[in-house]
Amino acid sequence: MKSVKKEIIEVIKARETVFVSTINLNNFPETRALDNVLNREIDDKLEIYFISDSNSPKVQQFKKNNRASSYCYVTGSWKNMILFGNLELVADKSLKDKLWREEFSQHYKNKNGKDDERYGVFKFAPTGYKYYPYEDGDLSCPPQIGSI
């Protein structure tokens, strides 16, 4: 039997897009779909990386309250998971350079590519999970809940 972390890693690797919820400035949850830019390289820390404009509303939200959750699922399956944790801005230039894709240029007015001051990389560092290992529509088993 696989460990829960290995199962969660498989779910994350299967998704290029995950849903991230933050608390908005009015203290309500706000969810959006974001590209999981390192989904193929995820390890036991289960950290997920996203690209976004560093001036976006979600950045203002997590600067005020960095608690967040991330949800993803396996297409064609009932397997899904929620990670709970914290978002942080990544300052590491080498990581930002590694994650840059030319198609990101269309989102930045300055067109300075990976050197645009608005090009932001964000790390979601989970502290806990709720994993639903459902197979073949069998929803009878309880979720597995734990800390990371």
N, C-alpha and C. Protein backbone atom coordinates (compact mmCIF):
# COMPACT_ATOMS: atom_id res chain seq x y z
N MET A 1 0.84 -1.18 0.00
CA MET A 1 0.00 0.00 0.00
C MET A 1 0.89 1.25 0.00
N LYS A 2 0.54 2.22 -0.83
CA LYS A 2 1.30 3.46 -0.92
C LYS A 2 1.04 4.33 0.29
N SER A 3 2.06 5.14 0.62
CA SER A 3 1.85 6.11 1.69
C SER A 3 0.92 7.21 1.19
N VAL A 4 0.28 7.90 2.13
CA VAL A 4 -0.63 8.98 1.77
C VAL A 4 0.13 10.06 1.00
N LYS A 5 1.36 10.40 1.45
CA LYS A 5 2.13 11.43 0.74
C LYS A 5 2.38 11.04 -0.71
N LYS A 6 2.72 9.78 -0.93
CA LYS A 6 2.96 9.33 -2.32
C LYS A 6 1.69 9.44 -3.15
N GLU A 7 0.56 9.10 -2.56
CA GLU A 7 -0.73 9.23 -3.25
C GLU A 7 -0.99 10.70 -3.59
N ILE A 8 -0.76 11.59 -2.62
CA ILE A 8 -0.99 13.02 -2.85
C ILE A 8 -0.06 13.54 -3.94
N ILE A 9 1.19 13.10 -3.92
CA ILE A 9 2.15 13.51 -4.96
C ILE A 9 1.63 13.09 -6.33
N GLU A 10 1.09 11.89 -6.45
CA GLU A 10 0.53 11.43 -7.73
C GLU A 10 -0.63 12.32 -8.18
N VAL A 11 -1.48 12.72 -7.24
CA VAL A 11 -2.61 13.59 -7.59
C VAL A 11 -2.07 14.94 -8.09
N ILE A 12 -1.11 15.51 -7.39
CA ILE A 12 -0.56 16.81 -7.78
C ILE A 12 0.15 16.71 -9.13
N LYS A 13 0.92 15.66 -9.33
CA LYS A 13 1.64 15.49 -10.60
C LYS A 13 0.68 15.35 -11.78
N ALA A 14 -0.51 14.85 -11.52
CA ALA A 14 -1.50 14.66 -12.58
C ALA A 14 -2.17 15.97 -13.01
N ARG A 15 -1.96 17.04 -12.25
CA ARG A 15 -2.66 18.30 -12.51
C ARG A 15 -1.70 19.42 -12.87
N GLU A 16 -1.92 20.04 -14.01
CA GLU A 16 -1.17 21.24 -14.35
C GLU A 16 -1.84 22.47 -13.75
N THR A 17 -3.11 22.34 -13.42
CA THR A 17 -3.86 23.44 -12.81
C THR A 17 -4.43 22.95 -11.50
N VAL A 18 -4.32 23.77 -10.47
CA VAL A 18 -4.93 23.47 -9.18
C VAL A 18 -5.76 24.68 -8.75
N PHE A 19 -6.64 24.46 -7.82
CA PHE A 19 -7.46 25.55 -7.30
C PHE A 19 -6.85 26.01 -5.98
N VAL A 20 -6.72 27.33 -5.84
CA VAL A 20 -6.15 27.91 -4.64
C VAL A 20 -7.16 28.87 -4.04
N SER A 21 -7.39 28.73 -2.75
CA SER A 21 -8.30 29.63 -2.04
C SER A 21 -7.51 30.46 -1.04
N THR A 22 -7.79 31.74 -1.06
CA THR A 22 -7.22 32.68 -0.09
C THR A 22 -8.38 33.39 0.59
N ILE A 23 -8.05 34.18 1.59
CA ILE A 23 -9.06 35.00 2.26
C ILE A 23 -8.94 36.40 1.70
N ASN A 24 -10.03 36.91 1.11
CA ASN A 24 -9.95 38.23 0.50
C ASN A 24 -9.97 39.33 1.56
N LEU A 25 -9.85 40.57 1.11
CA LEU A 25 -9.73 41.70 2.03
C LEU A 25 -11.02 41.96 2.82
N ASN A 26 -12.13 41.31 2.41
CA ASN A 26 -13.39 41.39 3.16
C ASN A 26 -13.61 40.15 4.03
N ASN A 27 -12.55 39.36 4.18
CA ASN A 27 -12.55 38.15 5.02
C ASN A 27 -13.44 37.03 4.52
N PHE A 28 -13.63 36.95 3.19
CA PHE A 28 -14.35 35.84 2.58
C PHE A 28 -13.37 35.00 1.77
N PRO A 29 -13.61 33.68 1.66
CA PRO A 29 -12.75 32.86 0.82
C PRO A 29 -12.91 33.23 -0.65
N GLU A 30 -11.82 33.16 -1.37
CA GLU A 30 -11.83 33.44 -2.81
C GLU A 30 -10.97 32.38 -3.48
N THR A 31 -11.55 31.70 -4.46
CA THR A 31 -10.88 30.58 -5.12
C THR A 31 -10.62 30.91 -6.58
N ARG A 32 -9.45 30.48 -7.05
CA ARG A 32 -9.12 30.65 -8.47
C ARG A 32 -8.27 29.47 -8.92
N ALA A 33 -8.28 29.23 -10.23
CA ALA A 33 -7.45 28.17 -10.81
C ALA A 33 -6.10 28.78 -11.18
N LEU A 34 -5.03 28.09 -10.80
CA LEU A 34 -3.68 28.57 -11.11
C LEU A 34 -2.86 27.43 -11.69
N ASP A 35 -1.94 27.78 -12.59
CA ASP A 35 -1.04 26.77 -13.15
C ASP A 35 -0.05 26.32 -12.09
N ASN A 36 0.10 25.03 -11.98
CA ASN A 36 1.05 24.40 -11.06
C ASN A 36 2.33 24.20 -11.85
N VAL A 37 3.23 25.18 -11.84
CA VAL A 37 4.34 25.19 -12.78
C VAL A 37 5.44 24.17 -12.51
N LEU A 38 5.48 23.58 -11.34
CA LEU A 38 6.48 22.55 -11.05
C LEU A 38 5.82 21.22 -10.71
N ASN A 39 4.66 20.95 -11.27
CA ASN A 39 3.92 19.76 -10.88
C ASN A 39 4.70 18.47 -11.09
N ARG A 40 5.57 18.41 -12.07
CA ARG A 40 6.32 17.17 -12.33
C ARG A 40 7.49 16.98 -11.37
N GLU A 41 7.87 18.02 -10.64
CA GLU A 41 9.05 17.94 -9.77
C GLU A 41 8.69 17.97 -8.29
N ILE A 42 7.46 17.78 -7.95
CA ILE A 42 7.04 17.88 -6.54
C ILE A 42 7.68 16.77 -5.71
N ASP A 43 8.02 17.10 -4.46
CA ASP A 43 8.65 16.12 -3.59
C ASP A 43 7.85 15.96 -2.30
N ASP A 44 8.44 15.35 -1.29
CA ASP A 44 7.73 15.07 -0.04
C ASP A 44 7.29 16.31 0.72
N LYS A 45 7.85 17.47 0.40
CA LYS A 45 7.41 18.70 1.06
C LYS A 45 6.04 19.14 0.54
N LEU A 46 5.67 18.63 -0.64
CA LEU A 46 4.39 18.92 -1.29
C LEU A 46 4.20 20.40 -1.62
N GLU A 47 5.31 21.14 -1.78
CA GLU A 47 5.22 22.56 -2.11
C GLU A 47 4.77 22.74 -3.56
N ILE A 48 3.88 23.69 -3.77
CA ILE A 48 3.34 23.97 -5.10
C ILE A 48 3.72 25.40 -5.45
N TYR A 49 4.15 25.60 -6.70
CA TYR A 49 4.58 26.93 -7.15
C TYR A 49 3.63 27.46 -8.22
N PHE A 50 3.34 28.77 -8.11
CA PHE A 50 2.44 29.45 -9.02
C PHE A 50 3.11 30.70 -9.56
N ILE A 51 2.66 31.12 -10.72
CA ILE A 51 3.11 32.37 -11.33
C ILE A 51 1.93 33.34 -11.31
N SER A 52 2.20 34.59 -10.94
CA SER A 52 1.14 35.59 -10.96
C SER A 52 1.76 36.97 -10.96
N ASP A 53 0.98 37.93 -11.39
CA ASP A 53 1.38 39.33 -11.32
C ASP A 53 1.53 39.69 -9.84
N SER A 54 2.67 40.22 -9.46
CA SER A 54 2.91 40.53 -8.04
C SER A 54 2.04 41.67 -7.54
N ASN A 55 1.31 42.36 -8.44
CA ASN A 55 0.38 43.41 -8.04
C ASN A 55 -1.07 42.93 -8.03
N SER A 56 -1.30 41.65 -8.22
CA SER A 56 -2.66 41.13 -8.32
C SER A 56 -3.37 41.17 -6.95
N PRO A 57 -4.71 41.17 -6.96
CA PRO A 57 -5.46 41.16 -5.71
C PRO A 57 -5.11 39.98 -4.80
N LYS A 58 -4.83 38.80 -5.38
CA LYS A 58 -4.52 37.65 -4.53
C LYS A 58 -3.24 37.88 -3.73
N VAL A 59 -2.30 38.62 -4.30
CA VAL A 59 -1.06 38.92 -3.57
C VAL A 59 -1.36 39.84 -2.39
N GLN A 60 -2.20 40.82 -2.62
CA GLN A 60 -2.60 41.70 -1.51
C GLN A 60 -3.31 40.89 -0.43
N GLN A 61 -4.11 39.90 -0.86
CA GLN A 61 -4.83 39.06 0.09
C GLN A 61 -3.86 38.26 0.95
N PHE A 62 -2.90 37.60 0.33
CA PHE A 62 -2.05 36.75 1.15
C PHE A 62 -0.96 37.52 1.88
N LYS A 63 -0.72 38.77 1.48
CA LYS A 63 0.16 39.59 2.31
C LYS A 63 -0.52 39.94 3.62
N LYS A 64 -1.84 40.08 3.57
CA LYS A 64 -2.62 40.36 4.78
C LYS A 64 -2.83 39.09 5.60
N ASN A 65 -3.10 37.99 4.92
CA ASN A 65 -3.36 36.70 5.58
C ASN A 65 -2.83 35.61 4.65
N ASN A 66 -1.68 35.03 4.99
CA ASN A 66 -1.04 34.09 4.07
C ASN A 66 -1.59 32.66 4.16
N ARG A 67 -2.61 32.44 4.97
CA ARG A 67 -3.22 31.12 5.03
C ARG A 67 -4.02 30.86 3.76
N ALA A 68 -3.90 29.63 3.28
CA ALA A 68 -4.56 29.28 2.02
C ALA A 68 -4.83 27.78 1.99
N SER A 69 -5.60 27.38 1.00
CA SER A 69 -5.78 25.95 0.73
C SER A 69 -5.66 25.74 -0.77
N SER A 70 -5.29 24.53 -1.12
CA SER A 70 -5.14 24.16 -2.52
C SER A 70 -5.87 22.84 -2.74
N TYR A 71 -6.64 22.79 -3.82
CA TYR A 71 -7.45 21.61 -4.11
C TYR A 71 -7.10 21.10 -5.50
N CYS A 72 -6.96 19.80 -5.62
CA CYS A 72 -6.85 19.21 -6.95
C CYS A 72 -7.40 17.78 -6.93
N TYR A 73 -7.62 17.25 -8.10
CA TYR A 73 -8.26 15.96 -8.25
C TYR A 73 -7.67 15.25 -9.46
N VAL A 74 -7.95 13.97 -9.56
CA VAL A 74 -7.53 13.18 -10.71
C VAL A 74 -8.71 13.11 -11.67
N THR A 75 -8.51 13.57 -12.89
CA THR A 75 -9.56 13.54 -13.90
C THR A 75 -10.05 12.12 -14.12
N GLY A 76 -11.36 11.94 -14.19
CA GLY A 76 -11.93 10.62 -14.42
C GLY A 76 -11.95 9.74 -13.19
N SER A 77 -11.66 10.32 -12.05
CA SER A 77 -11.60 9.57 -10.80
C SER A 77 -12.26 10.39 -9.70
N TRP A 78 -12.51 9.78 -8.58
CA TRP A 78 -13.03 10.52 -7.42
C TRP A 78 -11.90 10.91 -6.48
N LYS A 79 -10.67 10.50 -6.80
CA LYS A 79 -9.53 10.87 -5.95
C LYS A 79 -9.35 12.38 -5.96
N ASN A 80 -9.22 12.95 -4.77
CA ASN A 80 -8.99 14.38 -4.67
C ASN A 80 -8.35 14.69 -3.33
N MET A 81 -7.82 15.91 -3.21
CA MET A 81 -7.19 16.28 -1.96
C MET A 81 -7.23 17.79 -1.77
N ILE A 82 -7.19 18.15 -0.51
CA ILE A 82 -7.08 19.55 -0.12
C ILE A 82 -5.83 19.66 0.74
N LEU A 83 -4.97 20.62 0.40
CA LEU A 83 -3.82 20.93 1.23
C LEU A 83 -4.11 22.24 1.93
N PHE A 84 -3.70 22.35 3.18
CA PHE A 84 -3.84 23.58 3.95
C PHE A 84 -2.44 24.09 4.25
N GLY A 85 -2.22 25.40 4.12
CA GLY A 85 -0.89 25.90 4.40
C GLY A 85 -0.78 27.40 4.21
N ASN A 86 0.41 27.82 3.81
CA ASN A 86 0.73 29.25 3.70
C ASN A 86 1.34 29.57 2.35
N LEU A 87 1.02 30.76 1.86
CA LEU A 87 1.59 31.26 0.62
C LEU A 87 2.70 32.25 0.94
N GLU A 88 3.74 32.23 0.10
CA GLU A 88 4.80 33.22 0.26
C GLU A 88 5.37 33.60 -1.11
N LEU A 89 5.84 34.83 -1.20
CA LEU A 89 6.48 35.33 -2.41
C LEU A 89 7.90 34.77 -2.47
N VAL A 90 8.31 34.29 -3.64
CA VAL A 90 9.65 33.73 -3.83
C VAL A 90 10.56 34.82 -4.39
N ALA A 91 11.69 35.04 -3.74
CA ALA A 91 12.64 36.05 -4.18
C ALA A 91 13.82 35.43 -4.94
N ASP A 92 13.97 34.12 -4.89
CA ASP A 92 15.10 33.43 -5.50
C ASP A 92 15.10 33.60 -7.03
N LYS A 93 16.03 34.43 -7.53
CA LYS A 93 16.09 34.74 -8.97
C LYS A 93 16.32 33.49 -9.81
N SER A 94 17.16 32.59 -9.35
CA SER A 94 17.43 31.38 -10.15
C SER A 94 16.17 30.53 -10.31
N LEU A 95 15.36 30.44 -9.26
CA LEU A 95 14.10 29.70 -9.37
C LEU A 95 13.14 30.42 -10.30
N LYS A 96 13.04 31.74 -10.18
CA LYS A 96 12.17 32.51 -11.05
C LYS A 96 12.59 32.34 -12.52
N ASP A 97 13.90 32.35 -12.77
CA ASP A 97 14.40 32.14 -14.14
C ASP A 97 14.05 30.74 -14.64
N LYS A 98 14.19 29.75 -13.77
CA LYS A 98 13.88 28.37 -14.15
C LYS A 98 12.40 28.20 -14.54
N LEU A 99 11.53 28.90 -13.82
CA LEU A 99 10.09 28.74 -14.05
C LEU A 99 9.55 29.57 -15.21
N TRP A 100 10.31 30.55 -15.66
CA TRP A 100 9.84 31.46 -16.71
C TRP A 100 9.55 30.70 -18.00
N ARG A 101 8.43 31.05 -18.61
CA ARG A 101 8.07 30.55 -19.94
C ARG A 101 7.77 31.76 -20.80
N GLU A 102 8.17 31.73 -22.03
CA GLU A 102 8.00 32.89 -22.91
C GLU A 102 6.54 33.31 -23.04
N GLU A 103 5.62 32.36 -22.97
CA GLU A 103 4.20 32.72 -23.09
C GLU A 103 3.71 33.61 -21.93
N PHE A 104 4.48 33.67 -20.84
CA PHE A 104 4.11 34.57 -19.73
C PHE A 104 4.23 36.04 -20.14
N SER A 105 5.04 36.33 -21.15
CA SER A 105 5.27 37.73 -21.57
C SER A 105 3.97 38.46 -21.89
N GLN A 106 2.99 37.76 -22.40
CA GLN A 106 1.73 38.40 -22.78
C GLN A 106 1.00 39.01 -21.59
N HIS A 107 1.36 38.60 -20.38
CA HIS A 107 0.67 39.09 -19.19
C HIS A 107 1.34 40.30 -18.55
N TYR A 108 2.48 40.70 -19.07
CA TYR A 108 3.23 41.80 -18.45
C TYR A 108 3.41 42.93 -19.45
N LYS A 109 2.87 44.11 -19.11
CA LYS A 109 2.87 45.26 -20.02
C LYS A 109 4.27 45.74 -20.36
N ASN A 110 5.19 45.64 -19.41
CA ASN A 110 6.54 46.15 -19.64
C ASN A 110 7.32 45.30 -20.63
N LYS A 111 6.87 44.08 -20.85
CA LYS A 111 7.50 43.15 -21.79
C LYS A 111 8.99 42.95 -21.48
N ASN A 112 9.34 42.99 -20.21
CA ASN A 112 10.72 42.76 -19.80
C ASN A 112 10.96 41.29 -19.47
N GLY A 113 10.01 40.46 -19.84
CA GLY A 113 10.17 39.03 -19.62
C GLY A 113 10.36 38.70 -18.16
N LYS A 114 11.26 37.77 -17.91
CA LYS A 114 11.46 37.30 -16.54
C LYS A 114 12.04 38.37 -15.63
N ASP A 115 12.48 39.50 -16.19
CA ASP A 115 13.01 40.60 -15.38
C ASP A 115 11.95 41.65 -15.06
N ASP A 116 10.72 41.44 -15.52
CA ASP A 116 9.64 42.38 -15.21
C ASP A 116 9.40 42.37 -13.71
N GLU A 117 9.33 43.54 -13.11
CA GLU A 117 9.16 43.63 -11.64
C GLU A 117 7.83 43.05 -11.18
N ARG A 118 6.88 42.90 -12.09
CA ARG A 118 5.57 42.35 -11.73
C ARG A 118 5.51 40.82 -11.83
N TYR A 119 6.53 40.22 -12.44
CA TYR A 119 6.58 38.76 -12.56
C TYR A 119 6.78 38.17 -11.17
N GLY A 120 5.75 37.51 -10.67
CA GLY A 120 5.82 36.95 -9.33
C GLY A 120 5.74 35.44 -9.32
N VAL A 121 6.54 34.83 -8.47
CA VAL A 121 6.49 33.40 -8.23
C VAL A 121 6.08 33.23 -6.77
N PHE A 122 5.11 32.36 -6.55
CA PHE A 122 4.57 32.15 -5.22
C PHE A 122 4.65 30.69 -4.86
N LYS A 123 5.02 30.44 -3.63
CA LYS A 123 5.12 29.07 -3.14
C LYS A 123 3.99 28.84 -2.14
N PHE A 124 3.31 27.73 -2.34
CA PHE A 124 2.33 27.27 -1.37
C PHE A 124 3.02 26.17 -0.56
N ALA A 125 3.21 26.42 0.73
CA ALA A 125 3.87 25.46 1.62
C ALA A 125 2.82 24.84 2.53
N PRO A 126 2.41 23.61 2.25
CA PRO A 126 1.35 23.00 3.03
C PRO A 126 1.81 22.57 4.42
N THR A 127 0.87 22.62 5.35
CA THR A 127 1.12 22.15 6.72
C THR A 127 0.22 20.97 7.07
N GLY A 128 -0.82 20.76 6.27
CA GLY A 128 -1.73 19.66 6.52
C GLY A 128 -2.48 19.26 5.26
N TYR A 129 -3.20 18.15 5.32
CA TYR A 129 -3.93 17.66 4.16
C TYR A 129 -5.20 16.94 4.58
N LYS A 130 -6.09 16.85 3.61
CA LYS A 130 -7.27 15.99 3.69
C LYS A 130 -7.32 15.30 2.33
N TYR A 131 -7.12 13.98 2.33
CA TYR A 131 -7.02 13.21 1.10
C TYR A 131 -8.17 12.22 1.01
N TYR A 132 -8.84 12.24 -0.14
CA TYR A 132 -9.96 11.34 -0.41
C TYR A 132 -9.50 10.31 -1.45
N PRO A 133 -9.18 9.11 -1.01
CA PRO A 133 -8.59 8.10 -1.92
C PRO A 133 -9.62 7.29 -2.71
N TYR A 134 -10.77 7.85 -2.95
CA TYR A 134 -11.87 7.11 -3.57
C TYR A 134 -11.47 6.48 -4.89
N GLU A 135 -11.86 5.24 -5.04
CA GLU A 135 -11.63 4.49 -6.28
C GLU A 135 -12.96 4.05 -6.86
N ASP A 136 -13.09 4.15 -8.15
CA ASP A 136 -14.25 3.60 -8.86
C ASP A 136 -15.59 4.03 -8.28
N GLY A 137 -15.67 5.28 -7.82
CA GLY A 137 -16.93 5.80 -7.32
C GLY A 137 -17.32 5.31 -5.93
N ASP A 138 -16.44 4.52 -5.28
CA ASP A 138 -16.73 4.06 -3.92
C ASP A 138 -16.41 5.18 -2.95
N LEU A 139 -17.47 5.85 -2.48
CA LEU A 139 -17.29 7.00 -1.61
C LEU A 139 -17.43 6.63 -0.13
N SER A 140 -17.35 5.35 0.18
CA SER A 140 -17.61 4.91 1.55
C SER A 140 -16.43 5.07 2.50
N CYS A 141 -15.20 5.15 1.98
CA CYS A 141 -14.06 5.25 2.90
C CYS A 141 -13.88 6.71 3.35
N PRO A 142 -13.52 6.92 4.60
CA PRO A 142 -13.37 8.28 5.11
C PRO A 142 -12.09 8.94 4.57
N PRO A 143 -12.07 10.25 4.57
CA PRO A 143 -10.85 10.94 4.12
C PRO A 143 -9.71 10.67 5.09
N GLN A 144 -8.50 10.76 4.57
CA GLN A 144 -7.31 10.62 5.40
C GLN A 144 -6.83 12.04 5.70
N ILE A 145 -6.65 12.36 6.98
CA ILE A 145 -6.31 13.71 7.41
C ILE A 145 -4.98 13.63 8.16
N GLY A 146 -4.09 14.60 7.87
CA GLY A 146 -2.81 14.56 8.56
C GLY A 146 -2.03 15.86 8.43
N SER A 147 -0.88 15.87 9.06
CA SER A 147 0.04 17.00 9.03
C SER A 147 1.21 16.67 8.12
N ILE A 148 1.84 17.72 7.64
CA ILE A 148 3.01 17.53 6.76
C ILE A 148 4.24 17.98 7.50
